[in-house]
Amino acid sequence: MAGNNTPHKIRATMQQNVALVKVLIRHPMETGRRRDTTTGKTIPRHFIRELQCLLNGEPVLHADWSWGVARNPYLSLRILAARPGDRVLIRWSDNRSNSEAIETVVG
């Protein structure tokens, strides 16, 4: 993903009776080990801690992440129970108590 001004992206398409969901999340995912090149101070950890995927309000995925995941993580999953027109919601929260969500309709 180019730059940190690009919004999150999500797409859900039907492929052979299975919904393929692709998500690109804009997040710094700092490990707490890098140093700021100008000040020399350690950049504090900042990472997605919990991620959930809901299909029409029902949970289909729950993931506990850590600081080992790359910046701007990409997630791809297949949902067997999905049908065209269903709503897919991906929501996450990070270690700084920030939370966001992105939603799409299966096409």
N, C-alpha and C. Protein backbone atom coordinates (compact mmCIF):
# COMPACT_ATOMS: atom_id res chain seq x y z
N MET A 1 0.85 -1.18 0.00
CA MET A 1 0.00 0.00 0.00
C MET A 1 0.89 1.23 0.00
N ALA A 2 0.64 2.14 -0.88
CA ALA A 2 1.50 3.31 -1.02
C ALA A 2 1.06 4.44 -0.10
N GLY A 3 1.94 4.85 0.78
CA GLY A 3 1.65 5.99 1.64
C GLY A 3 0.66 5.65 2.74
N ASN A 4 0.60 6.51 3.76
CA ASN A 4 -0.33 6.28 4.85
C ASN A 4 -1.60 7.10 4.71
N ASN A 5 -1.81 7.76 3.58
CA ASN A 5 -3.04 8.51 3.36
C ASN A 5 -4.07 7.69 2.59
N THR A 6 -3.70 6.50 2.17
CA THR A 6 -4.61 5.64 1.43
C THR A 6 -5.58 5.00 2.40
N PRO A 7 -6.87 5.01 2.10
CA PRO A 7 -7.85 4.42 3.03
C PRO A 7 -7.78 2.89 3.02
N HIS A 8 -8.41 2.30 4.02
CA HIS A 8 -8.54 0.85 4.07
C HIS A 8 -9.31 0.40 2.84
N LYS A 9 -9.09 -0.84 2.42
CA LYS A 9 -9.78 -1.37 1.25
C LYS A 9 -10.34 -2.74 1.57
N ILE A 10 -11.53 -3.03 1.01
CA ILE A 10 -12.14 -4.34 1.19
C ILE A 10 -12.90 -4.71 -0.08
N ARG A 11 -12.89 -5.99 -0.39
CA ARG A 11 -13.63 -6.50 -1.54
C ARG A 11 -14.10 -7.91 -1.21
N ALA A 12 -15.33 -8.24 -1.56
CA ALA A 12 -15.86 -9.59 -1.35
C ALA A 12 -16.56 -10.02 -2.63
N THR A 13 -16.06 -11.08 -3.24
CA THR A 13 -16.63 -11.59 -4.49
C THR A 13 -16.92 -13.08 -4.37
N MET A 14 -17.93 -13.53 -5.08
CA MET A 14 -18.26 -14.95 -5.09
C MET A 14 -17.37 -15.65 -6.10
N GLN A 15 -16.80 -16.78 -5.69
CA GLN A 15 -15.98 -17.61 -6.57
C GLN A 15 -16.31 -19.07 -6.26
N GLN A 16 -17.00 -19.72 -7.17
CA GLN A 16 -17.36 -21.13 -7.02
C GLN A 16 -18.10 -21.39 -5.70
N ASN A 17 -19.16 -20.65 -5.45
CA ASN A 17 -20.02 -20.79 -4.27
C ASN A 17 -19.35 -20.48 -2.94
N VAL A 18 -18.25 -19.76 -2.98
CA VAL A 18 -17.53 -19.33 -1.78
C VAL A 18 -17.22 -17.84 -1.93
N ALA A 19 -17.42 -17.07 -0.85
CA ALA A 19 -17.07 -15.65 -0.90
C ALA A 19 -15.59 -15.49 -0.60
N LEU A 20 -14.88 -14.82 -1.49
CA LEU A 20 -13.47 -14.50 -1.28
C LEU A 20 -13.41 -13.05 -0.80
N VAL A 21 -12.94 -12.87 0.43
CA VAL A 21 -12.86 -11.53 1.03
C VAL A 21 -11.40 -11.13 1.10
N LYS A 22 -11.10 -9.94 0.59
CA LYS A 22 -9.74 -9.40 0.64
C LYS A 22 -9.79 -8.04 1.33
N VAL A 23 -8.90 -7.85 2.30
CA VAL A 23 -8.89 -6.62 3.09
C VAL A 23 -7.47 -6.09 3.19
N LEU A 24 -7.31 -4.80 2.97
CA LEU A 24 -6.03 -4.12 3.16
C LEU A 24 -6.26 -3.05 4.22
N ILE A 25 -5.58 -3.18 5.36
CA ILE A 25 -5.78 -2.28 6.50
C ILE A 25 -4.59 -1.34 6.60
N ARG A 26 -4.87 -0.05 6.66
CA ARG A 26 -3.79 0.93 6.84
C ARG A 26 -3.52 1.08 8.34
N HIS A 27 -2.37 0.60 8.76
CA HIS A 27 -1.99 0.68 10.17
C HIS A 27 -0.46 0.61 10.28
N PRO A 28 0.16 1.39 11.17
CA PRO A 28 1.62 1.43 11.23
C PRO A 28 2.26 0.14 11.74
N MET A 29 1.60 -0.61 12.61
CA MET A 29 2.11 -1.88 13.13
C MET A 29 3.57 -1.76 13.60
N GLU A 30 3.83 -0.85 14.52
CA GLU A 30 5.18 -0.66 15.06
C GLU A 30 5.53 -1.75 16.07
N THR A 31 6.75 -2.26 15.99
CA THR A 31 7.20 -3.35 16.86
C THR A 31 7.69 -2.86 18.22
N GLY A 32 8.05 -1.59 18.30
CA GLY A 32 8.65 -1.08 19.53
C GLY A 32 10.15 -1.24 19.55
N ARG A 33 10.72 -1.68 18.45
CA ARG A 33 12.17 -1.89 18.37
C ARG A 33 12.88 -0.89 17.46
N ARG A 34 12.10 -0.23 16.58
CA ARG A 34 12.73 0.74 15.68
C ARG A 34 13.03 2.04 16.43
N ARG A 35 14.02 2.75 15.92
CA ARG A 35 14.36 4.05 16.50
C ARG A 35 14.07 5.16 15.48
N ASP A 36 13.63 6.28 15.99
CA ASP A 36 13.43 7.46 15.16
C ASP A 36 14.81 7.95 14.72
N THR A 37 14.98 8.13 13.41
CA THR A 37 16.31 8.49 12.88
C THR A 37 16.74 9.91 13.29
N THR A 38 15.79 10.78 13.57
CA THR A 38 16.17 12.15 13.94
C THR A 38 16.43 12.31 15.43
N THR A 39 15.65 11.64 16.28
CA THR A 39 15.81 11.80 17.73
C THR A 39 16.57 10.66 18.37
N GLY A 40 16.61 9.50 17.72
CA GLY A 40 17.27 8.34 18.30
C GLY A 40 16.43 7.61 19.34
N LYS A 41 15.24 8.12 19.61
CA LYS A 41 14.35 7.49 20.59
C LYS A 41 13.61 6.31 19.97
N THR A 42 13.32 5.33 20.80
CA THR A 42 12.57 4.16 20.35
C THR A 42 11.13 4.56 20.05
N ILE A 43 10.63 4.08 18.91
CA ILE A 43 9.24 4.33 18.53
C ILE A 43 8.38 3.33 19.30
N PRO A 44 7.39 3.80 20.07
CA PRO A 44 6.58 2.89 20.88
C PRO A 44 5.78 1.89 20.04
N ARG A 45 5.51 0.72 20.63
CA ARG A 45 4.69 -0.29 19.96
C ARG A 45 3.32 0.26 19.62
N HIS A 46 2.83 -0.12 18.45
CA HIS A 46 1.49 0.26 18.00
C HIS A 46 1.06 -0.81 17.01
N PHE A 47 0.17 -1.69 17.44
CA PHE A 47 -0.20 -2.81 16.59
C PHE A 47 -1.66 -3.21 16.80
N ILE A 48 -2.21 -3.87 15.79
CA ILE A 48 -3.57 -4.40 15.88
C ILE A 48 -3.53 -5.60 16.83
N ARG A 49 -4.40 -5.55 17.82
CA ARG A 49 -4.44 -6.61 18.83
C ARG A 49 -5.51 -7.65 18.52
N GLU A 50 -6.67 -7.18 18.05
CA GLU A 50 -7.79 -8.10 17.81
C GLU A 50 -8.48 -7.72 16.50
N LEU A 51 -8.84 -8.73 15.72
CA LEU A 51 -9.54 -8.53 14.45
C LEU A 51 -10.70 -9.52 14.38
N GLN A 52 -11.84 -9.04 13.91
CA GLN A 52 -13.02 -9.89 13.76
C GLN A 52 -13.62 -9.70 12.38
N CYS A 53 -14.20 -10.77 11.86
CA CYS A 53 -14.96 -10.72 10.62
C CYS A 53 -16.36 -11.21 10.94
N LEU A 54 -17.36 -10.43 10.50
CA LEU A 54 -18.75 -10.81 10.72
C LEU A 54 -19.46 -10.90 9.38
N LEU A 55 -20.29 -11.91 9.23
CA LEU A 55 -21.12 -12.09 8.04
C LEU A 55 -22.55 -11.89 8.47
N ASN A 56 -23.17 -10.83 7.99
CA ASN A 56 -24.54 -10.47 8.38
C ASN A 56 -24.69 -10.41 9.90
N GLY A 57 -23.67 -9.88 10.58
CA GLY A 57 -23.71 -9.72 12.02
C GLY A 57 -23.27 -10.92 12.83
N GLU A 58 -23.01 -12.04 12.18
CA GLU A 58 -22.58 -13.26 12.86
C GLU A 58 -21.07 -13.45 12.69
N PRO A 59 -20.35 -13.74 13.77
CA PRO A 59 -18.89 -13.89 13.66
C PRO A 59 -18.49 -15.12 12.85
N VAL A 60 -17.53 -14.92 11.95
CA VAL A 60 -16.97 -16.03 11.17
C VAL A 60 -15.46 -16.15 11.34
N LEU A 61 -14.83 -15.12 11.94
CA LEU A 61 -13.39 -15.15 12.17
C LEU A 61 -13.07 -14.26 13.35
N HIS A 62 -12.18 -14.74 14.22
CA HIS A 62 -11.64 -13.94 15.31
C HIS A 62 -10.15 -14.20 15.34
N ALA A 63 -9.35 -13.15 15.26
CA ALA A 63 -7.89 -13.30 15.24
C ALA A 63 -7.25 -12.40 16.29
N ASP A 64 -6.32 -12.96 17.05
CA ASP A 64 -5.51 -12.19 17.99
C ASP A 64 -4.15 -11.98 17.34
N TRP A 65 -3.85 -10.72 17.03
CA TRP A 65 -2.59 -10.39 16.39
C TRP A 65 -1.62 -9.81 17.40
N SER A 66 -0.40 -9.57 16.96
CA SER A 66 0.63 -9.03 17.82
C SER A 66 1.51 -8.09 17.00
N TRP A 67 2.60 -7.67 17.59
CA TRP A 67 3.46 -6.71 16.92
C TRP A 67 4.29 -7.33 15.81
N GLY A 68 4.20 -8.63 15.59
CA GLY A 68 4.97 -9.29 14.54
C GLY A 68 4.34 -9.23 13.16
N VAL A 69 3.19 -8.60 13.02
CA VAL A 69 2.51 -8.49 11.73
C VAL A 69 3.00 -7.23 11.01
N ALA A 70 3.20 -7.33 9.71
CA ALA A 70 3.75 -6.22 8.92
C ALA A 70 2.83 -5.00 8.89
N ARG A 71 3.44 -3.85 8.62
CA ARG A 71 2.68 -2.61 8.46
C ARG A 71 1.68 -2.77 7.32
N ASN A 72 0.52 -2.12 7.45
CA ASN A 72 -0.55 -2.18 6.46
C ASN A 72 -0.88 -3.63 6.08
N PRO A 73 -1.35 -4.40 7.06
CA PRO A 73 -1.58 -5.83 6.82
C PRO A 73 -2.67 -6.11 5.79
N TYR A 74 -2.46 -7.20 5.06
CA TYR A 74 -3.39 -7.70 4.05
C TYR A 74 -3.97 -9.01 4.58
N LEU A 75 -5.27 -9.15 4.50
CA LEU A 75 -5.96 -10.35 4.96
C LEU A 75 -6.84 -10.86 3.84
N SER A 76 -6.78 -12.16 3.60
CA SER A 76 -7.63 -12.80 2.60
C SER A 76 -8.27 -14.01 3.26
N LEU A 77 -9.59 -14.16 3.11
CA LEU A 77 -10.27 -15.31 3.68
C LEU A 77 -11.43 -15.72 2.79
N ARG A 78 -11.83 -16.97 2.94
CA ARG A 78 -12.96 -17.52 2.20
C ARG A 78 -14.07 -17.84 3.19
N ILE A 79 -15.31 -17.46 2.82
CA ILE A 79 -16.46 -17.72 3.69
C ILE A 79 -17.41 -18.63 2.94
N LEU A 80 -17.58 -19.84 3.46
CA LEU A 80 -18.42 -20.84 2.79
C LEU A 80 -19.90 -20.50 2.84
N ALA A 81 -20.37 -19.92 3.94
CA ALA A 81 -21.81 -19.69 4.14
C ALA A 81 -22.33 -18.42 3.45
N ALA A 82 -21.49 -17.68 2.78
CA ALA A 82 -21.89 -16.40 2.20
C ALA A 82 -22.65 -16.57 0.89
N ARG A 83 -23.50 -15.60 0.61
CA ARG A 83 -24.26 -15.53 -0.63
C ARG A 83 -24.17 -14.10 -1.19
N PRO A 84 -24.39 -13.91 -2.47
CA PRO A 84 -24.39 -12.56 -3.01
C PRO A 84 -25.40 -11.69 -2.27
N GLY A 85 -24.99 -10.47 -1.94
CA GLY A 85 -25.83 -9.54 -1.21
C GLY A 85 -25.61 -9.55 0.29
N ASP A 86 -24.89 -10.54 0.81
CA ASP A 86 -24.58 -10.58 2.24
C ASP A 86 -23.61 -9.47 2.60
N ARG A 87 -23.65 -9.03 3.86
CA ARG A 87 -22.77 -7.97 4.33
C ARG A 87 -21.60 -8.58 5.11
N VAL A 88 -20.41 -8.12 4.78
CA VAL A 88 -19.19 -8.56 5.47
C VAL A 88 -18.61 -7.34 6.18
N LEU A 89 -18.40 -7.48 7.49
CA LEU A 89 -17.83 -6.42 8.31
C LEU A 89 -16.53 -6.93 8.92
N ILE A 90 -15.46 -6.15 8.75
CA ILE A 90 -14.18 -6.43 9.38
C ILE A 90 -13.95 -5.30 10.37
N ARG A 91 -13.70 -5.66 11.63
CA ARG A 91 -13.41 -4.63 12.64
C ARG A 91 -12.20 -5.06 13.44
N TRP A 92 -11.45 -4.06 13.91
CA TRP A 92 -10.23 -4.34 14.65
C TRP A 92 -10.00 -3.28 15.71
N SER A 93 -9.19 -3.65 16.70
CA SER A 93 -8.77 -2.71 17.73
C SER A 93 -7.28 -2.91 17.97
N ASP A 94 -6.61 -1.83 18.37
CA ASP A 94 -5.17 -1.94 18.57
C ASP A 94 -4.80 -1.80 20.03
N ASN A 95 -3.52 -1.87 20.32
CA ASN A 95 -3.04 -1.84 21.69
C ASN A 95 -3.15 -0.45 22.32
N ARG A 96 -3.58 0.54 21.58
CA ARG A 96 -3.78 1.89 22.11
C ARG A 96 -5.27 2.21 22.25
N SER A 97 -6.09 1.18 22.21
CA SER A 97 -7.56 1.29 22.37
C SER A 97 -8.24 2.02 21.22
N ASN A 98 -7.59 2.11 20.07
CA ASN A 98 -8.23 2.63 18.87
C ASN A 98 -8.95 1.48 18.18
N SER A 99 -10.08 1.76 17.58
CA SER A 99 -10.78 0.71 16.83
C SER A 99 -11.35 1.29 15.55
N GLU A 100 -11.41 0.45 14.54
CA GLU A 100 -11.95 0.84 13.25
C GLU A 100 -12.67 -0.34 12.64
N ALA A 101 -13.43 -0.07 11.58
CA ALA A 101 -14.15 -1.12 10.89
C ALA A 101 -14.32 -0.73 9.43
N ILE A 102 -14.51 -1.75 8.61
CA ILE A 102 -14.78 -1.54 7.19
C ILE A 102 -15.78 -2.61 6.77
N GLU A 103 -16.70 -2.24 5.87
CA GLU A 103 -17.78 -3.14 5.51
C GLU A 103 -17.97 -3.14 4.00
N THR A 104 -18.46 -4.27 3.48
CA THR A 104 -18.78 -4.38 2.07
C THR A 104 -19.91 -5.37 1.88
N VAL A 105 -20.43 -5.41 0.67
CA VAL A 105 -21.48 -6.36 0.30
C VAL A 105 -20.87 -7.38 -0.65
N VAL A 106 -21.18 -8.65 -0.45
CA VAL A 106 -20.65 -9.70 -1.31
C VAL A 106 -21.25 -9.52 -2.70
N GLY A 107 -20.40 -9.47 -3.71
CA GLY A 107 -20.85 -9.24 -5.07
C GLY A 107 -20.68 -10.45 -5.95
